[in-house]
C-alpha atoms as a PDB file:
ATOM      1  CA  MET A   1       7.849  -1.277  30.572  1.00  0.00           C
ATOM      2  CA  THR A   2      11.823  -1.700  31.218  1.00  0.00           C
ATOM      3  CA  ASN A   3      14.542  -3.534  30.067  1.00  0.00           C
ATOM      4  CA  LEU A   4      13.472  -2.501  26.435  1.00  0.00           C
ATOM      5  CA  LYS A   5      16.604  -3.169  23.667  1.00  0.00           C
ATOM      6  CA  LYS A   6      16.862  -1.075  19.548  1.00  0.00           C
ATOM      7  CA  GLY A   7      15.139  -3.746  17.761  1.00  0.00           C
ATOM      8  CA  ASP A   8      12.775  -4.881  19.798  1.00  0.00           C
ATOM      9  CA  LYS A   9       9.062  -5.378  19.415  1.00  0.00           C
ATOM     10  CA  LEU A  10       6.777  -2.248  20.589  1.00  0.00           C
ATOM     11  CA  ARG A  11       2.352  -3.403  19.580  1.00  0.00           C
ATOM     12  CA  ARG A  12       0.228  -0.430  19.922  1.00  0.00           C
ATOM     13  CA  ILE A  13      -2.977  -1.651  21.702  1.00  0.00           C
ATOM     14  CA  SER A  14      -5.302   0.317  19.829  1.00  0.00           C
ATOM     15  CA  ASP A  15      -4.805  -1.194  16.585  1.00  0.00           C
ATOM     16  CA  GLY A  16      -1.932  -3.803  16.467  1.00  0.00           C
ATOM     17  CA  LYS A  17       0.496  -1.658  14.524  1.00  0.00           C
ATOM     18  CA  LEU A  18       4.078  -3.354  15.050  1.00  0.00           C
ATOM     19  CA  PHE A  19       7.517  -0.558  15.447  1.00  0.00           C
ATOM     20  CA  THR A  20       9.770  -1.253  16.801  1.00  0.00           C
ATOM     21  CA  TYR A  21      11.932   0.536  19.465  1.00  0.00           C
ATOM     22  CA  LEU A  22      15.204   2.817  19.392  1.00  0.00           C
ATOM     23  CA  SER A  23      15.903   4.306  22.486  1.00  0.00           C
ATOM     24  CA  SER A  24      14.582   6.247  25.796  1.00  0.00           C
ATOM     25  CA  ASP A  25      14.198  10.064  24.262  1.00  0.00           C
ATOM     26  CA  ASP A  26      15.793  12.555  26.189  1.00  0.00           C
ATOM     27  CA  SER A  27      13.543  14.706  27.358  1.00  0.00           C
ATOM     28  CA  ASP A  28      12.680  13.626  32.125  1.00  0.00           C
ATOM     29  CA  ASP A  29      10.145  11.543  31.475  1.00  0.00           C
ATOM     30  CA  GLU A  30      10.389   7.774  30.832  1.00  0.00           C
ATOM     31  CA  ASN A  31       6.828   7.588  29.264  1.00  0.00           C
ATOM     32  CA  TYR A  32       8.619   8.458  26.280  1.00  0.00           C
ATOM     33  CA  VAL A  33      10.159   6.258  24.038  1.00  0.00           C
ATOM     34  CA  HIS A  34      11.844   6.763  20.686  1.00  0.00           C
ATOM     35  CA  VAL A  35      10.478   3.949  17.356  1.00  0.00           C
ATOM     36  CA  GLU A  36      11.643   3.848  13.707  1.00  0.00           C
ATOM     37  CA  GLU A  37       8.356   4.475  12.035  1.00  0.00           C
ATOM     38  CA  MET A  38       7.837   7.913  13.626  1.00  0.00           C
ATOM     39  CA  LEU A  39       9.850  11.379  14.039  1.00  0.00           C
ATOM     40  CA  VAL A  40       8.286  12.098  17.578  1.00  0.00           C
ATOM     41  CA  PRO A  41       8.550  10.515  20.781  1.00  0.00           C
ATOM     42  CA  VAL A  42       6.059   7.776  21.329  1.00  0.00           C
ATOM     43  CA  TYR A  43       4.211   7.587  25.146  1.00  0.00           C
ATOM     44  CA  LEU A  44       5.215   3.899  26.466  1.00  0.00           C
ATOM     45  CA  PRO A  45       2.084   3.358  27.935  1.00  0.00           C
ATOM     46  CA  ASP A  46       0.201   2.576  24.629  1.00  0.00           C
ATOM     47  CA  PHE A  47       2.507   0.396  23.860  1.00  0.00           C
ATOM     48  CA  GLU A  48       3.710  -4.046  24.357  1.00  0.00           C
ATOM     49  CA  LYS A  49       6.120  -5.444  24.045  1.00  0.00           C
ATOM     50  CA  GLU A  50       5.677  -7.957  21.754  1.00  0.00           C
ATOM     51  CA  GLU A  51       6.658 -11.549  22.513  1.00  0.00           C
ATOM     52  CA  SER A  52       9.206 -13.323  20.642  1.00  0.00           C
ATOM     53  CA  GLU A  53       7.605 -16.629  20.399  1.00  0.00           C
END
């Protein structure tokens, strides 16, 4: 998933909950990002970008 911008909505695949993308993680692993709703980085492959209508 590329080209994420601050404020983009990400839907967690396991339960459908929406999260708001903030930024990439400072680590070297591009699979982890920060979302507004959680204090710890989340694993990006567990999410899909919610396309706005």
